[in-house]
Amino acid sequence: MLLDSETTKSDNNQLPKCLTGIQGLDEITGGGLPQGRPTLVCGTAGCGKTLIGLNFLVSGAVSYSEPGVFVSFEETPEELIQNVRSLGWDLKQLIAQKKFLIDHIHIDPYEIEETGDYNLEALFIRLEHIINAIGAKRIVLDTIETLFVGLSNETIVRSELQRLFRWLKSKGVTAIITGEKGENTLTRHGLEEYVADCVIRLDQRIQNEISTRRLQIVKYRGSSHGTNEYPFLINEKGISVLPITSVGLDHKISTERISTGIPRLDTMLGGQGYFRGSSILITGTAGTGKSTISAHFAQATCLRGEPCLYLAFEEAPQQILRNMLSVGLDLNPFVEKGLLKFQAVRPTAFGLEMHLIQIHNLINELQPTVVIVDPMSNLVLGGNLIQSKAFFMRLIDSLKSQQITVMLTNLVTGSSSLEHTEIGISSLMDTWLELRVNESSGERNRVLYVLKSRGMEHSNQVREFVLTSQGIELKDVYLGQGTVLTGTARNVQEAKEKAANIVRQQEFERKRRELERKQALVRSQIEALQTQLELEQEEFKLMIEQEQLSQDISLQEQRKIANLRQADAD
């Protein structure tokens, strides 16, 4: 949810809020800190209390036209200005524009002697002066313990704390007051958290030698808020807080298909490739070609003119670029154009939460349509299996909600089940490609399976693929003797079948010629018999004619003799 004003109200009964401008914190608090009320930020040394206050003031001055005052009881203005320069904040310029003011109040505990009543009236006068000087809407007091250093009278401390908080409310400024953590309380005095309208606790933990900062909204009067602990990151852009809750499962889905970058793999996936905004898992042992398939997908994304974010947790970007040249993939032009961005970091550099925040920051910066995580299995080193699974669930849900296609590679050890991921997120995947190596006849040959691809028809065939100088070549499926044959074994079997086929063709040709000869012989015999029959028919006809002629001559002779003998007439 985007918040574009300094005050948010969900309805007339909602508490007015003041946006902090800190990524994630406004989401957790439902719109920011209580406007015109004090907020206590407490925690151990080095957890980021001062930086949260400064970030709150700078965002107000730059983004929301709300001037701010920073009252420091420890660091001098010069030290503060120098400390935040690395974050890109030019406090001197803001001070010159009367949008920001730093007031340093030095209190030496050795000069304080507890002799009578103690009150903060002088402080109120000074605060009112600096607030009015620039028309401040925001103020930060860093840190509250300094005001009461050396005082042992708890009644006076409580009374003056209440006066301070009431006075800040009466001025209508949104205040952040920082405090150090006590032994068994949120603050040293254990009183501030009761009089503040909002209490934010910060801490810094080390687990498995990895440090992680966390934030929790302990209380927030008049408003609902997130109650979990949220990891936050301090980087060159300030503070980023990441909610640990996953995005809901009601996000929009797309029916658009995008190419895998390998035409024959597109054919195996219904002829069109992956669904846009889907999740893709590639599993396999070392050397099976997982990174090469990922690189093909990255190239196809960039060729469409879309940005791609490649998160490498094992190899340096230059090493990946060099290695891909051996298979005909030149990704350097896309890197130079800014379409392909590599982010390479060791999984143990920081905790999973910090990785997740950095990924979100990179996504916000690059706005990619495809994110590749290679390999995801290395991130187990940044936490236990439960944390790793939660990390990927949040990442995948977040990317899907933004219609970003995510591809993850997973290294499977030789002793593990191939159709399995150590983290246990295969059920979250829309498409699952598995790569294997078949060993036979002294060779290792790669094969590819499509274990599943939701929402589309896909091939159930096992395909051998070869890494060539022109990229990945998927071969036709081949089955011999009831088993899948690859490499030399396939070539030998094909040669045998070719030889057997030649023999069959030769035998067929011989049979054909023999049949033709028999047919010719039979035809000649038939012709001879036909000729003989015709001759005999002609001879028989001649005999009939001769017989008829003989009879006619005999009859004529009889008639002549009868006439000569004067025989009786018939």
Protein backbone atom coordinates (compact mmCIF):
# COMPACT_ATOMS: atom_id res chain seq x y z
CA MET A 1 0.00 0.00 0.00
CA LEU A 2 1.40 3.38 -0.99
CA LEU A 3 1.01 6.29 1.41
CA ASP A 4 1.50 9.70 -0.22
CA SER A 5 0.62 12.20 2.48
CA GLU A 6 2.06 13.04 5.85
CA THR A 7 -1.12 12.13 7.71
CA THR A 8 -3.32 9.09 7.12
CA LYS A 9 -6.86 8.37 8.29
CA SER A 10 -8.75 5.20 7.49
CA ASP A 11 -11.99 6.74 8.80
CA ASN A 12 -13.22 9.50 11.09
CA ASN A 13 -12.52 7.39 14.17
CA GLN A 14 -8.96 6.50 13.20
CA LEU A 15 -6.12 8.05 15.13
CA PRO A 16 -4.31 10.69 13.00
CA LYS A 17 -0.89 9.38 12.03
CA CYS A 18 2.37 10.81 10.82
CA LEU A 19 4.29 8.95 8.14
CA THR A 20 7.86 8.12 9.08
CA GLY A 21 9.09 7.64 5.53
CA ILE A 22 10.90 4.50 6.73
CA GLN A 23 10.26 1.63 4.37
CA GLY A 24 8.13 -1.03 6.10
CA LEU A 25 7.61 0.83 9.37
CA ASP A 26 4.63 2.75 8.05
CA GLU A 27 3.09 -0.54 6.96
CA ILE A 28 3.61 -2.16 10.37
CA THR A 29 2.15 0.80 12.24
CA GLY A 30 -0.79 1.12 9.87
CA GLY A 31 0.20 4.55 8.58
CA GLY A 32 2.99 5.87 10.80
CA LEU A 33 3.47 7.21 14.32
CA PRO A 34 0.68 8.89 16.33
CA GLN A 35 0.51 12.46 15.10
CA GLY A 36 1.11 15.11 17.74
CA ARG A 37 2.05 12.51 20.34
CA PRO A 38 5.34 11.14 21.71
CA THR A 39 6.78 7.80 20.65
CA LEU A 40 9.44 6.01 22.65
CA VAL A 41 12.17 4.16 20.72
CA CYS A 42 14.25 2.06 23.11
CA GLY A 43 16.98 -0.52 22.80
CA THR A 44 20.60 -1.43 23.40
CA ALA A 45 23.55 0.59 22.19
CA GLY A 46 24.15 0.38 18.43
CA CYS A 47 20.73 -0.97 17.53
CA GLY A 48 19.74 2.10 15.48
CA LYS A 49 17.71 4.36 17.77
CA THR A 50 19.41 7.60 16.73
CA LEU A 51 19.26 6.67 13.07
CA ILE A 52 15.52 5.99 13.23
CA GLY A 53 15.02 9.44 14.72
CA LEU A 54 17.15 11.12 12.05
CA ASN A 55 15.44 9.16 9.27
CA PHE A 56 12.07 10.25 10.64
CA LEU A 57 13.11 13.92 10.60
CA VAL A 58 14.82 13.86 7.19
CA SER A 59 11.84 12.14 5.56
CA GLY A 60 9.52 14.71 7.10
CA ALA A 61 11.62 17.61 5.84
CA VAL A 62 12.24 16.21 2.34
CA SER A 63 9.09 14.25 1.52
CA TYR A 64 6.30 15.71 3.63
CA SER A 65 7.23 19.42 4.07
CA GLU A 66 7.39 19.02 7.84
CA PRO A 67 10.43 20.75 9.42
CA GLY A 68 12.09 18.85 12.22
CA VAL A 69 14.29 19.42 15.26
CA PHE A 70 16.89 16.98 16.56
CA VAL A 71 17.86 17.56 20.20
CA SER A 72 21.02 15.67 21.07
CA PHE A 73 22.26 15.19 24.59
CA GLU A 74 25.33 13.21 23.50
CA GLU A 75 26.61 13.84 19.97
CA THR A 76 27.48 17.26 18.61
CA PRO A 77 25.89 18.66 15.43
CA GLU A 78 29.16 18.19 13.53
CA GLU A 79 29.31 14.53 14.52
CA LEU A 80 25.70 13.91 13.51
CA ILE A 81 26.13 15.64 10.15
CA GLN A 82 29.24 13.60 9.44
CA ASN A 83 27.68 10.32 10.57
CA VAL A 84 24.70 10.49 8.19
CA ARG A 85 26.59 11.82 5.18
CA SER A 86 27.22 8.23 4.02
CA LEU A 87 23.45 7.76 3.78
CA GLY A 88 23.15 10.59 1.28
CA TRP A 89 21.54 12.97 3.76
CA ASP A 90 22.81 16.53 3.49
CA LEU A 91 21.79 17.96 6.86
CA LYS A 92 23.70 21.19 6.24
CA GLN A 93 21.52 21.94 3.22
CA LEU A 94 18.34 21.16 5.14
CA ILE A 95 19.52 23.40 7.98
CA ALA A 96 20.23 26.21 5.50
CA GLN A 97 16.71 25.81 4.10
CA LYS A 98 15.31 26.00 7.66
CA LYS A 99 13.79 22.56 7.32
CA PHE A 100 16.05 20.99 9.91
CA LEU A 101 17.66 22.09 13.15
CA ILE A 102 20.11 20.37 15.49
CA ASP A 103 20.40 21.50 19.09
CA HIS A 104 23.10 19.98 21.26
CA ILE A 105 22.50 20.16 25.01
CA HIS A 106 25.54 19.05 26.96
CA ILE A 107 24.85 17.66 30.43
CA ASP A 108 27.86 16.60 32.48
CA PRO A 109 26.82 14.10 35.19
CA TYR A 110 29.82 15.12 37.33
CA GLU A 111 28.55 18.71 37.49
CA ILE A 112 25.11 17.69 38.77
CA GLU A 113 24.40 17.64 42.47
CA GLU A 114 21.05 16.48 43.77
CA THR A 115 20.14 19.13 46.36
CA GLY A 116 16.47 19.91 45.95
CA ASP A 117 13.61 19.95 43.50
CA TYR A 118 14.46 19.11 39.92
CA ASN A 119 12.37 20.22 36.95
CA LEU A 120 12.67 20.56 33.19
CA GLU A 121 11.26 24.06 32.90
CA ALA A 122 14.45 25.41 31.36
CA LEU A 123 14.39 22.61 28.81
CA PHE A 124 10.79 23.41 27.88
CA ILE A 125 11.73 27.05 27.24
CA ARG A 126 14.64 26.00 25.04
CA LEU A 127 12.57 23.43 23.14
CA GLU A 128 9.81 25.92 22.51
CA HIS A 129 12.32 28.39 21.12
CA ILE A 130 13.88 25.98 18.62
CA ILE A 131 10.45 24.58 17.60
CA ASN A 132 9.17 28.08 16.86
CA ALA A 133 12.42 29.02 15.09
CA ILE A 134 11.61 26.81 12.08
CA GLY A 135 7.95 25.95 12.69
CA ALA A 136 8.87 22.35 13.51
CA LYS A 137 6.23 19.63 13.21
CA ARG A 138 8.57 16.84 14.29
CA ILE A 139 11.10 16.53 17.08
CA VAL A 140 13.54 13.91 18.33
CA LEU A 141 15.06 13.82 21.83
CA ASP A 142 18.18 11.60 21.95
CA THR A 143 18.52 10.18 24.64
CA ILE A 144 16.13 10.63 27.56
CA GLU A 145 18.38 9.08 30.25
CA THR A 146 20.80 11.99 30.01
CA LEU A 147 18.19 14.38 31.43
CA PHE A 148 17.97 12.44 34.67
CA VAL A 149 21.52 11.25 35.07
CA GLY A 150 22.58 11.30 38.72
CA LEU A 151 19.01 11.55 40.04
CA SER A 152 17.95 8.83 42.45
CA ASN A 153 14.51 10.15 43.34
CA GLU A 154 12.16 8.02 41.28
CA THR A 155 9.17 10.18 42.13
CA ILE A 156 10.82 13.26 40.62
CA VAL A 157 11.87 11.32 37.53
CA ARG A 158 8.37 9.97 36.99
CA SER A 159 6.79 13.38 37.54
CA GLU A 160 9.13 15.18 35.13
CA LEU A 161 8.81 12.47 32.52
CA GLN A 162 5.05 12.85 32.59
CA ARG A 163 5.44 16.64 32.36
CA LEU A 164 7.77 16.29 29.37
CA PHE A 165 5.41 14.01 27.49
CA ARG A 166 2.39 16.21 28.29
CA TRP A 167 4.31 19.31 27.20
CA LEU A 168 5.23 17.73 23.85
CA LYS A 169 1.57 16.81 23.29
CA SER A 170 0.50 20.37 24.09
CA LYS A 171 2.81 21.67 21.36
CA GLY A 172 1.24 19.38 18.78
CA VAL A 173 4.56 18.06 17.54
CA THR A 174 5.11 14.42 16.64
CA ALA A 175 7.98 13.35 18.85
CA ILE A 176 10.41 10.47 19.03
CA ILE A 177 12.21 10.00 22.33
CA THR A 178 15.03 7.48 22.46
CA GLY A 179 15.97 5.52 25.53
CA GLU A 180 18.54 2.93 26.57
CA LYS A 181 17.42 -0.56 27.55
CA GLY A 182 17.32 -1.40 31.24
CA GLU A 183 18.28 -4.68 32.89
CA ASN A 184 14.77 -6.08 33.19
CA THR A 185 12.80 -3.20 31.69
CA LEU A 186 12.46 -1.57 28.29
CA THR A 187 14.27 1.54 29.56
CA ARG A 188 16.67 2.24 32.39
CA HIS A 189 14.07 3.96 34.53
CA GLY A 190 11.28 1.59 33.49
CA LEU A 191 8.87 4.54 33.39
CA GLU A 192 9.02 5.98 29.90
CA GLU A 193 7.16 3.08 28.28
CA TYR A 194 4.12 3.77 30.47
CA VAL A 195 3.70 7.45 29.56
CA ALA A 196 4.49 7.14 25.83
CA ASP A 197 1.61 6.63 23.40
CA CYS A 198 3.69 4.38 21.18
CA VAL A 199 6.66 2.22 22.18
CA ILE A 200 9.09 0.70 19.68
CA ARG A 201 11.72 -1.73 20.92
CA LEU A 202 14.93 -2.35 18.98
CA ASP A 203 17.53 -5.01 19.59
CA GLN A 204 20.47 -6.65 17.93
CA ARG A 205 21.03 -10.41 18.15
CA ILE A 206 23.78 -12.74 17.06
CA GLN A 207 22.81 -16.24 15.98
CA ASN A 208 25.23 -18.63 14.32
CA GLU A 209 27.75 -15.77 14.26
CA ILE A 210 25.33 -13.66 12.15
CA SER A 211 24.03 -10.36 13.53
CA THR A 212 20.41 -9.34 12.96
CA ARG A 213 18.60 -6.18 14.05
CA ARG A 214 14.94 -6.51 15.01
CA LEU A 215 12.08 -4.12 15.72
CA GLN A 216 8.86 -4.64 17.67
CA ILE A 217 5.89 -2.36 18.30
CA VAL A 218 5.36 -3.01 22.00
CA LYS A 219 2.30 -0.79 22.28
CA TYR A 220 0.35 1.73 20.25
CA ARG A 221 -2.52 3.49 21.97
CA GLY A 222 -5.63 3.96 19.85
CA SER A 223 -4.43 1.95 16.89
CA SER A 224 -3.98 -1.60 15.71
CA HIS A 225 -0.45 -2.56 14.76
CA GLY A 226 1.82 -5.46 13.94
CA THR A 227 2.92 -7.31 17.06
CA ASN A 228 5.61 -9.55 15.62
CA GLU A 229 9.32 -8.93 15.66
CA TYR A 230 10.44 -7.50 12.33
CA PRO A 231 14.01 -7.58 11.02
CA PHE A 232 15.35 -4.27 9.78
CA LEU A 233 18.40 -3.27 7.82
CA ILE A 234 20.64 -0.23 8.01
CA ASN A 235 22.28 0.36 4.65
CA GLU A 236 23.39 3.23 2.44
CA LYS A 237 19.75 4.28 1.92
CA GLY A 238 18.78 4.41 5.57
CA ILE A 239 16.51 2.00 7.43
CA SER A 240 14.32 -0.67 5.86
CA VAL A 241 11.91 -2.75 7.92
CA LEU A 242 10.51 -5.98 6.54
CA PRO A 243 7.22 -7.43 7.79
CA ILE A 244 7.59 -11.17 8.36
CA THR A 245 4.01 -12.00 7.43
CA SER A 246 3.54 -13.52 4.00
CA VAL A 247 1.51 -11.84 1.31
CA GLY A 248 -2.03 -13.20 1.02
CA LEU A 249 -2.92 -15.88 -1.51
CA ASP A 250 -5.46 -13.71 -3.33
CA HIS A 251 -3.02 -12.09 -5.75
CA LYS A 252 -3.79 -11.87 -9.45
CA ILE A 253 -2.45 -14.49 -11.82
CA SER A 254 -1.50 -14.23 -15.49
CA THR A 255 -2.24 -16.51 -18.44
CA GLU A 256 0.58 -14.98 -20.47
CA ARG A 257 3.39 -17.36 -21.40
CA ILE A 258 7.07 -16.44 -21.63
CA SER A 259 9.88 -18.34 -23.32
CA THR A 260 12.41 -20.40 -21.40
CA GLY A 261 15.08 -19.30 -23.86
CA ILE A 262 15.39 -22.92 -25.08
CA PRO A 263 12.95 -23.59 -27.97
CA ARG A 264 12.68 -27.35 -27.43
CA LEU A 265 12.08 -26.81 -23.71
CA ASP A 266 9.25 -24.44 -24.65
CA THR A 267 7.85 -27.33 -26.71
CA MET A 268 7.99 -29.62 -23.69
CA LEU A 269 6.00 -27.00 -21.74
CA GLY A 270 2.97 -26.93 -23.99
CA GLY A 271 4.85 -25.17 -26.78
CA GLN A 272 4.87 -21.76 -25.06
CA GLY A 273 7.11 -21.86 -21.97
CA TYR A 274 6.43 -20.74 -18.39
CA PHE A 275 3.48 -18.72 -17.08
CA ARG A 276 4.39 -15.13 -16.28
CA GLY A 277 4.46 -14.55 -12.54
CA SER A 278 4.94 -18.25 -11.76
CA SER A 279 7.59 -19.96 -9.65
CA ILE A 280 10.09 -22.31 -11.27
CA LEU A 281 12.37 -24.78 -9.51
CA ILE A 282 15.40 -26.44 -11.12
CA THR A 283 16.98 -29.22 -9.08
CA GLY A 284 19.98 -31.38 -9.79
CA THR A 285 23.40 -32.47 -8.63
CA ALA A 286 26.53 -30.45 -9.29
CA GLY A 287 27.39 -29.96 -12.96
CA THR A 288 24.00 -30.88 -14.39
CA GLY A 289 23.44 -27.48 -16.04
CA LYS A 290 21.15 -25.63 -13.60
CA SER A 291 22.96 -22.30 -13.97
CA THR A 292 23.07 -22.66 -17.76
CA ILE A 293 19.30 -23.11 -17.96
CA SER A 294 18.93 -20.07 -15.69
CA ALA A 295 21.24 -18.06 -17.94
CA HIS A 296 19.15 -18.99 -21.00
CA PHE A 297 16.06 -17.72 -19.19
CA ALA A 298 17.85 -14.49 -18.23
CA GLN A 299 18.90 -13.97 -21.85
CA ALA A 300 15.34 -14.58 -23.12
CA THR A 301 14.03 -12.05 -20.57
CA CYS A 302 16.51 -9.37 -21.63
CA LEU A 303 15.87 -10.03 -25.34
CA ARG A 304 12.23 -9.09 -24.66
CA GLY A 305 13.52 -5.79 -23.29
CA GLU A 306 12.57 -6.71 -19.70
CA PRO A 307 14.89 -6.27 -16.69
CA CYS A 308 16.17 -9.37 -14.89
CA LEU A 309 17.67 -9.64 -11.39
CA TYR A 310 20.18 -12.47 -10.95
CA LEU A 311 20.97 -13.29 -7.30
CA ALA A 312 24.18 -15.32 -7.18
CA PHE A 313 25.10 -16.97 -3.88
CA GLU A 314 27.95 -19.12 -5.15
CA GLU A 315 29.80 -17.50 -8.07
CA ALA A 316 31.02 -14.00 -8.83
CA PRO A 317 29.18 -12.20 -11.67
CA GLN A 318 32.30 -12.04 -13.85
CA GLN A 319 32.79 -15.76 -13.41
CA ILE A 320 29.21 -16.45 -14.47
CA LEU A 321 29.57 -14.19 -17.51
CA ARG A 322 32.81 -15.91 -18.52
CA ASN A 323 31.43 -19.41 -18.05
CA MET A 324 28.32 -18.70 -20.13
CA LEU A 325 30.46 -17.63 -23.08
CA SER A 326 31.56 -21.28 -23.40
CA VAL A 327 27.98 -22.25 -24.31
CA GLY A 328 27.41 -19.33 -26.65
CA LEU A 329 25.62 -17.03 -24.19
CA ASP A 330 27.03 -13.50 -24.15
CA LEU A 331 25.23 -11.71 -21.32
CA ASN A 332 27.65 -8.77 -21.13
CA PRO A 333 25.62 -6.48 -23.46
CA PHE A 334 22.55 -6.86 -21.23
CA VAL A 335 24.60 -6.00 -18.15
CA GLU A 336 25.95 -2.90 -19.88
CA LYS A 337 22.43 -1.83 -20.88
CA GLY A 338 21.23 -2.25 -17.30
CA LEU A 339 18.69 -4.95 -18.23
CA LEU A 340 20.56 -7.66 -16.32
CA LYS A 341 21.72 -6.93 -12.78
CA PHE A 342 23.82 -9.36 -10.76
CA GLN A 343 23.82 -9.29 -6.99
CA ALA A 344 26.49 -11.59 -5.60
CA VAL A 345 26.94 -12.10 -1.88
CA ARG A 346 27.84 -14.99 0.38
CA PRO A 347 24.85 -16.47 2.27
CA THR A 348 26.74 -16.09 5.54
CA ALA A 349 27.32 -12.36 5.04
CA PHE A 350 24.21 -11.69 7.14
CA GLY A 351 20.95 -13.30 8.23
CA LEU A 352 18.05 -14.42 6.06
CA GLU A 353 15.99 -11.41 7.03
CA MET A 354 18.71 -9.09 5.82
CA HIS A 355 18.91 -11.01 2.56
CA LEU A 356 15.16 -10.62 2.16
CA ILE A 357 15.28 -6.88 2.81
CA GLN A 358 18.12 -6.45 0.34
CA ILE A 359 16.22 -8.40 -2.30
CA HIS A 360 13.15 -6.22 -1.79
CA ASN A 361 15.29 -3.09 -2.07
CA LEU A 362 16.85 -4.36 -5.30
CA ILE A 363 13.42 -5.21 -6.71
CA ASN A 364 12.14 -1.74 -5.88
CA GLU A 365 15.20 -0.23 -7.55
CA LEU A 366 15.35 -2.37 -10.72
CA GLN A 367 11.65 -3.31 -11.13
CA PRO A 368 12.52 -6.68 -12.74
CA THR A 369 10.03 -9.02 -14.38
CA VAL A 370 12.22 -12.04 -13.61
CA VAL A 371 14.25 -12.88 -10.49
CA ILE A 372 16.74 -15.78 -10.51
CA VAL A 373 18.10 -17.23 -7.25
CA ASP A 374 21.15 -19.41 -7.90
CA PRO A 375 21.40 -21.54 -5.84
CA MET A 376 18.77 -21.28 -3.15
CA SER A 377 20.22 -24.26 -1.27
CA ASN A 378 23.19 -22.16 -0.07
CA LEU A 379 20.88 -19.88 1.90
CA VAL A 380 20.36 -22.66 4.45
CA LEU A 381 23.73 -21.51 5.80
CA GLY A 382 22.07 -18.24 6.89
CA GLY A 383 19.57 -19.95 9.21
CA ASN A 384 17.92 -23.24 10.07
CA LEU A 385 15.54 -25.14 7.79
CA ILE A 386 12.39 -23.61 9.32
CA GLN A 387 13.76 -20.08 8.87
CA SER A 388 14.88 -20.90 5.34
CA LYS A 389 11.46 -22.22 4.37
CA ALA A 390 9.75 -19.15 5.86
CA PHE A 391 12.21 -16.96 3.96
CA PHE A 392 11.36 -18.53 0.61
CA MET A 393 7.63 -18.59 1.31
CA ARG A 394 7.69 -14.84 1.94
CA LEU A 395 9.91 -14.19 -1.06
CA ILE A 396 7.85 -16.29 -3.47
CA ASP A 397 4.53 -14.88 -2.26
CA SER A 398 5.84 -11.34 -2.54
CA LEU A 399 7.17 -11.85 -6.07
CA LYS A 400 3.99 -13.56 -7.24
CA SER A 401 1.88 -10.72 -5.89
CA GLN A 402 3.91 -8.39 -8.14
CA GLN A 403 3.62 -10.67 -11.21
CA ILE A 404 7.38 -11.30 -11.09
CA THR A 405 8.52 -14.69 -12.38
CA VAL A 406 10.98 -16.33 -9.99
CA MET A 407 13.40 -19.12 -10.89
CA LEU A 408 15.26 -20.97 -8.14
CA THR A 409 18.01 -23.53 -8.56
CA ASN A 410 18.62 -26.14 -5.89
CA LEU A 411 21.77 -28.21 -5.49
CA VAL A 412 21.00 -31.82 -4.58
CA THR A 413 23.78 -33.83 -2.98
CA GLY A 414 24.58 -37.26 -4.35
CA SER A 415 23.23 -39.03 -1.27
CA SER A 416 19.89 -37.16 -1.27
CA SER A 417 16.67 -38.10 -3.00
CA LEU A 418 16.59 -36.34 -6.35
CA GLU A 419 12.88 -35.49 -6.25
CA HIS A 420 13.34 -33.57 -3.02
CA THR A 421 14.57 -30.20 -1.73
CA GLU A 422 16.29 -29.88 1.60
CA ILE A 423 14.30 -26.74 2.41
CA GLY A 424 11.00 -28.42 1.48
CA ILE A 425 9.41 -25.82 -0.79
CA SER A 426 8.82 -27.95 -3.89
CA SER A 427 5.07 -27.84 -3.22
CA LEU A 428 5.17 -24.06 -3.70
CA MET A 429 6.59 -24.40 -7.20
CA ASP A 430 4.43 -24.09 -10.31
CA THR A 431 7.00 -25.68 -12.61
CA TRP A 432 9.67 -28.15 -11.51
CA LEU A 433 12.50 -29.21 -13.80
CA GLU A 434 14.84 -31.91 -12.63
CA LEU A 435 18.28 -32.50 -14.11
CA ARG A 436 20.11 -35.78 -13.68
CA VAL A 437 23.31 -37.43 -14.83
CA ASN A 438 23.18 -40.94 -16.25
CA GLU A 439 26.40 -42.89 -15.86
CA SER A 440 27.00 -45.75 -18.30
CA SER A 441 29.77 -47.12 -20.49
CA GLY A 442 32.28 -44.91 -18.71
CA GLU A 443 30.32 -41.71 -19.48
CA ARG A 444 28.21 -39.12 -17.68
CA ASN A 445 25.32 -37.77 -19.74
CA ARG A 446 22.74 -35.14 -18.73
CA VAL A 447 18.99 -35.70 -18.91
CA LEU A 448 16.03 -33.42 -18.13
CA TYR A 449 12.60 -34.21 -16.68
CA VAL A 450 9.54 -32.01 -16.29
CA LEU A 451 8.30 -33.28 -12.94
CA LYS A 452 5.35 -30.91 -12.92
CA SER A 453 4.05 -27.76 -14.56
CA ARG A 454 0.74 -26.59 -13.18
CA GLY A 455 -1.96 -25.35 -15.51
CA MET A 456 -0.47 -26.60 -18.80
CA GLU A 457 0.08 -29.72 -20.82
CA HIS A 458 3.70 -30.79 -20.57
CA SER A 459 5.91 -33.59 -21.79
CA ASN A 460 6.40 -36.70 -19.69
CA GLN A 461 9.47 -37.69 -21.69
CA VAL A 462 13.02 -37.87 -20.46
CA ARG A 463 15.21 -35.75 -22.71
CA GLU A 464 18.97 -35.91 -23.05
CA PHE A 465 20.55 -32.49 -23.38
CA VAL A 466 24.00 -31.46 -24.42
CA LEU A 467 25.90 -28.26 -23.65
CA THR A 468 27.23 -27.08 -26.99
CA SER A 469 28.99 -23.93 -28.20
CA GLN A 470 25.55 -22.72 -29.36
CA GLY A 471 23.84 -23.34 -26.04
CA ILE A 472 21.69 -26.19 -24.75
CA GLU A 473 20.63 -28.78 -27.30
CA LEU A 474 17.73 -31.00 -26.28
CA LYS A 475 17.80 -34.29 -28.17
CA ASP A 476 14.83 -36.37 -29.24
CA VAL A 477 13.65 -38.87 -26.70
CA TYR A 478 15.17 -42.31 -27.27
CA LEU A 479 14.22 -45.61 -25.70
CA GLY A 480 16.18 -48.75 -26.37
CA GLN A 481 15.71 -52.21 -24.85
CA GLY A 482 13.24 -50.74 -22.35
CA THR A 483 15.74 -48.22 -20.95
CA VAL A 484 16.77 -44.66 -21.74
CA LEU A 485 20.02 -44.59 -23.68
CA THR A 486 22.26 -41.54 -23.82
CA GLY A 487 25.68 -40.62 -25.12
CA THR A 488 27.86 -43.34 -26.67
CA ALA A 489 25.47 -46.12 -25.67
CA ARG A 490 22.77 -44.40 -27.67
CA ASN A 491 25.10 -43.91 -30.65
CA VAL A 492 26.17 -47.58 -30.57
CA GLN A 493 22.58 -48.75 -30.35
CA GLU A 494 21.55 -46.44 -33.19
CA ALA A 495 24.45 -47.78 -35.31
CA LYS A 496 23.34 -51.36 -34.63
CA GLU A 497 19.79 -50.54 -35.55
CA LYS A 498 20.97 -48.75 -38.69
CA ALA A 499 23.03 -51.81 -39.74
CA ALA A 500 20.11 -54.11 -39.01
CA ASN A 501 17.85 -51.84 -41.00
CA ILE A 502 20.27 -51.96 -43.97
CA VAL A 503 20.27 -55.77 -43.86
CA ARG A 504 16.48 -55.79 -43.79
CA GLN A 505 16.37 -53.38 -46.72
CA GLN A 506 18.78 -55.56 -48.72
CA GLU A 507 16.72 -58.68 -48.00
CA PHE A 508 13.59 -56.84 -49.02
CA GLU A 509 15.23 -55.74 -52.26
CA ARG A 510 16.36 -59.31 -53.04
CA LYS A 511 12.87 -60.65 -52.41
CA ARG A 512 11.43 -57.93 -54.59
CA ARG A 513 13.71 -58.74 -57.48
CA GLU A 514 13.00 -62.49 -57.16
CA LEU A 515 9.29 -61.81 -57.21
CA GLU A 516 9.64 -59.63 -60.28
CA ARG A 517 11.57 -62.41 -62.03
CA LYS A 518 8.89 -64.95 -61.15
CA GLN A 519 6.21 -62.59 -62.33
CA ALA A 520 8.05 -62.11 -65.65
CA LEU A 521 8.51 -65.89 -66.06
CA VAL A 522 4.85 -66.56 -65.35
CA ARG A 523 3.84 -63.82 -67.76
CA SER A 524 6.05 -65.34 -70.50
CA GLN A 525 4.62 -68.80 -69.84
CA ILE A 526 1.12 -67.42 -70.02
CA GLU A 527 1.96 -65.68 -73.30
CA ALA A 528 3.35 -68.96 -74.74
CA LEU A 529 0.28 -70.92 -73.72
CA GLN A 530 -1.93 -68.20 -75.09
CA THR A 531 -0.10 -68.36 -78.43
CA GLN A 532 -0.37 -72.15 -78.52
CA LEU A 533 -4.06 -71.93 -77.72
CA GLU A 534 -4.61 -69.46 -80.52
CA LEU A 535 -2.75 -71.72 -82.98
CA GLU A 536 -4.84 -74.71 -82.00
CA GLN A 537 -8.01 -72.62 -82.27
CA GLU A 538 -7.03 -71.50 -85.77
CA GLU A 539 -6.19 -75.12 -86.74
CA PHE A 540 -9.54 -76.29 -85.41
CA LYS A 541 -11.34 -73.58 -87.35
CA LEU A 542 -9.52 -74.60 -90.52
CA MET A 543 -10.51 -78.20 -89.97
CA ILE A 544 -14.14 -77.14 -89.59
CA GLU A 545 -13.95 -75.17 -92.86
CA GLN A 546 -12.29 -78.06 -94.66
CA GLU A 547 -14.93 -80.44 -93.39
CA GLN A 548 -17.68 -78.15 -94.57
CA LEU A 549 -16.05 -77.78 -97.97
CA SER A 550 -15.63 -81.53 -98.22
CA GLN A 551 -19.28 -82.05 -97.42
CA ASP A 552 -20.34 -79.47 -100.00
CA ILE A 553 -18.20 -81.09 -102.70
CA SER A 554 -19.51 -84.53 -101.75
CA LEU A 555 -23.11 -83.29 -102.04
CA GLN A 556 -22.48 -81.75 -105.42
CA GLU A 557 -20.88 -84.95 -106.68
CA GLN A 558 -23.84 -86.94 -105.47
CA ARG A 559 -26.22 -84.65 -107.31
CA LYS A 560 -24.19 -84.95 -110.49
CA ILE A 561 -24.19 -88.77 -110.30
CA ALA A 562 -27.91 -88.74 -109.58
CA ASN A 563 -28.56 -86.64 -112.62
CA LEU A 564 -26.45 -88.94 -114.79
CA ARG A 565 -28.31 -92.06 -113.48
CA GLN A 566 -31.70 -90.31 -113.66
CA ALA A 567 -32.41 -91.07 -110.02
CA ASP A 568 -35.72 -90.17 -108.39
CA ALA A 569 -35.96 -86.62 -107.15
CA ASP A 570 -35.91 -86.02 -103.35
